[in-house]
Every structure is written in structure tokens, then in C-alpha cells.
Amino acid sequence: MGTPSPATPWGGALWALLLATLGCSAGQPLGGESMCTAQPLAKYSITFTGKWSQASFPKQYPMFRPPAQWSSLLGAAHSPDYSLWRKGQYVSNGLRDFAERSEAWALMQEMEAAGEKLQSVHGVFSAPAVPSGTGQTSAEFEAHSRHSLVSFVVRIVPSPDWFVGVDSLDLCDAGRWREQVAVDLHPYDAGTDSGFTFSSPKFATVPQDTVTEITASSPSHPANSFYYPRLKSLPPIATVTLARLPHSPRAFPPAPGLGRGGNEVADSLPAPETPLDCEVSLWSSWGLCAGLCGRPGAKSRTRYVRAQPANHGAPCPALEEEAPCVPDNCV
């Protein structure tokens, strides 16, 4: 069948406009993003560095069962029409399992399915867990000109459903691959568990909430492990560096499985010290009035220390208080 011809001059103009629009949009990725025009493939190393120290985050810092540490890193190079996670949106079932229990299998299946069915994921990559709050882990991955964005997640262990990561960082800039990118990382809440502290018991959020950033004042509750009202912002709890590797004519190997790669203790500048003010309980009820009949007496109440001050934070106030009274049960 031949190409239909327009019946009127106006029809001809509309047909030309339609053809021009289709011609301009051909080959563009979904979401209206312009395609990267750099050479088709680029190989990168990704290095995750944990900065979760007792000096930087003294409040409720996990020391035992388990101590502060990081899960394995799981990420993907993808196109603009894919999202691993996004602030203000709901996480997938796979990311929920990863954020709550460090279980990566379902999340890996979701990413691989997006690559097979939607052609939106070029490759999945992973790096080993870090067994302490301060340490490094690394991996290598390949980015494609049609899949120039990178996203990843690392779970904060222990925590209810807290993680750090990067959402859709573009490695292509003005038609060229970036040589190196460094990003400070801050904690996020996946919105699936309502715990306030690192070691909170599991308490599902019903209905599920969206991803939110955890700050020094949000959630605004003294029990929150990241609540530091004296700070304008939290120091970075981790950093990530992506560096382009020299081009190699060899074919890029398949994505590494969990457990490959390496990690090491970070040897960097001392962590900044975050001041932690003393935290005390509420006052107890007043005790009985003690004293002789017909003479002024005294009653007292007490409170106890919830958290000792650290890093030059405000000292603890008085833990006992007295007040005058008149004995009312004397003989």
C-alpha cells in the first residue's frame, strides 16, 4: 500500500508536521531526555567509602549485635525510563526486602527483568559488604551511550529500613563521558518500616510511605538516631567516587555476583566530631514530704541520664531537685 496523500492543502501541512515530529523523536529515549552522543561504551570503577563513625554520629552508635556496618552495594547502569529508587516515590518489593533485611535476590531479579523486557538496564553490578561503619568497597561496571545513568543502594546496618545511594546520576556530560564524579551520601528512609532507632524492632509502616531523606531535624523526634537539633545538616555518612577506566579492546566481563570484588578499611582524614548534648528523662513524681510536724519539710524528685554528652556537647543538668513543703501526715 502506498503512502496516503492529503486531500487538502491543510491536510498536506498537517501530514508534513506529523512526519517532521516523528523524524525528530526517532531514536530518543523515553522521558524526553536527550541521548548521550559520547562513544558507545565506557567502563567505570565505583568506590564506596563509609564514614559512619562514633565521632561523626555519636547518638546511639551501634557497638554490638550487630555493630555499625554496610550491606553489599547493588546498582545498575540504565536509561532515563528506569528508576531503581527515587525520593518521594514508593520503593518496589525488591528494594523493600533489601532496605529492611539486606536481601538482594528479589531486587536483582527486578533489575534484570527491566533489562530483558524494557531494554532500560544495560547491566547490574555489585560490591561486597563493609563489616564496619568506616571502610571501602568497590566494583566495576560498563555504561552505554543509551544507558548513561547509574543508580545504586547500600543498606545501613543495623536500621529499620534506612539506606544510602544515588538516583540516576548521569555519567555523560555534553557529549563526553565524565572522567570522575564524587558524591556525598546521606541517609534515606525507604518508607516501609516505622522504627526510630538503629536497633528498633520491626514495625511495618501501613500504609507504605514514600522515600524520604533523614536529616538532623527530620523526623523531629528526640528518639530518632539521627536527631541532632544543634546541626543545620548531617555530615556525610558515606561518599562514592566513580572514575572512568582506560579503554580496553577486550570484551567487558559479565556483571559480578554478590561477594566478588574487595573491601578495605578507609585510610582518610579524621571524621568530623558531631557534638551530642546530654539527654535526660522526664522528672519523676514528687516524693513524700519529709519533716517534723509543725515545721517546714522538703520533698524531692529525680530524673536519669538517657545519653551521656559527647564531643563537647552540653553537660548533664542536675538529676535531683528539692522543694519546700509542709508535712500533712504527722502525729
Foldseek 3Di string as FASTA:
>chain_A
DDDDDAPDPVSVVVVVVVVVVVVVCPPADPPPDRFFQAPFKFKKKKKKWFPADCQQQVFVQADPPNHWWKAKKKKFQWAPVDKCADFQAAHDPQLQCCQAPVDNPVSVVVLVCCCVPVVGTPAMAIWGIGRHRGKMIMDMDMYGRRRQFMKMWMYTPQARRKIKMDIGDGQGDPNYGNFKDKDFIAMKHNQFADDQESPDDGDGDVPGGHIDTDWLCPVPDPSHSSPDPVDPTRGRRMMMMMGIDDDDPDDDDHHDDYPDGDMGGDDDDDRHGDKDAWDKDDKDDWDAWDDAAPDKTKIKIFIGTPDQIPDPHHHDDDGMDMDIDHHDDHD
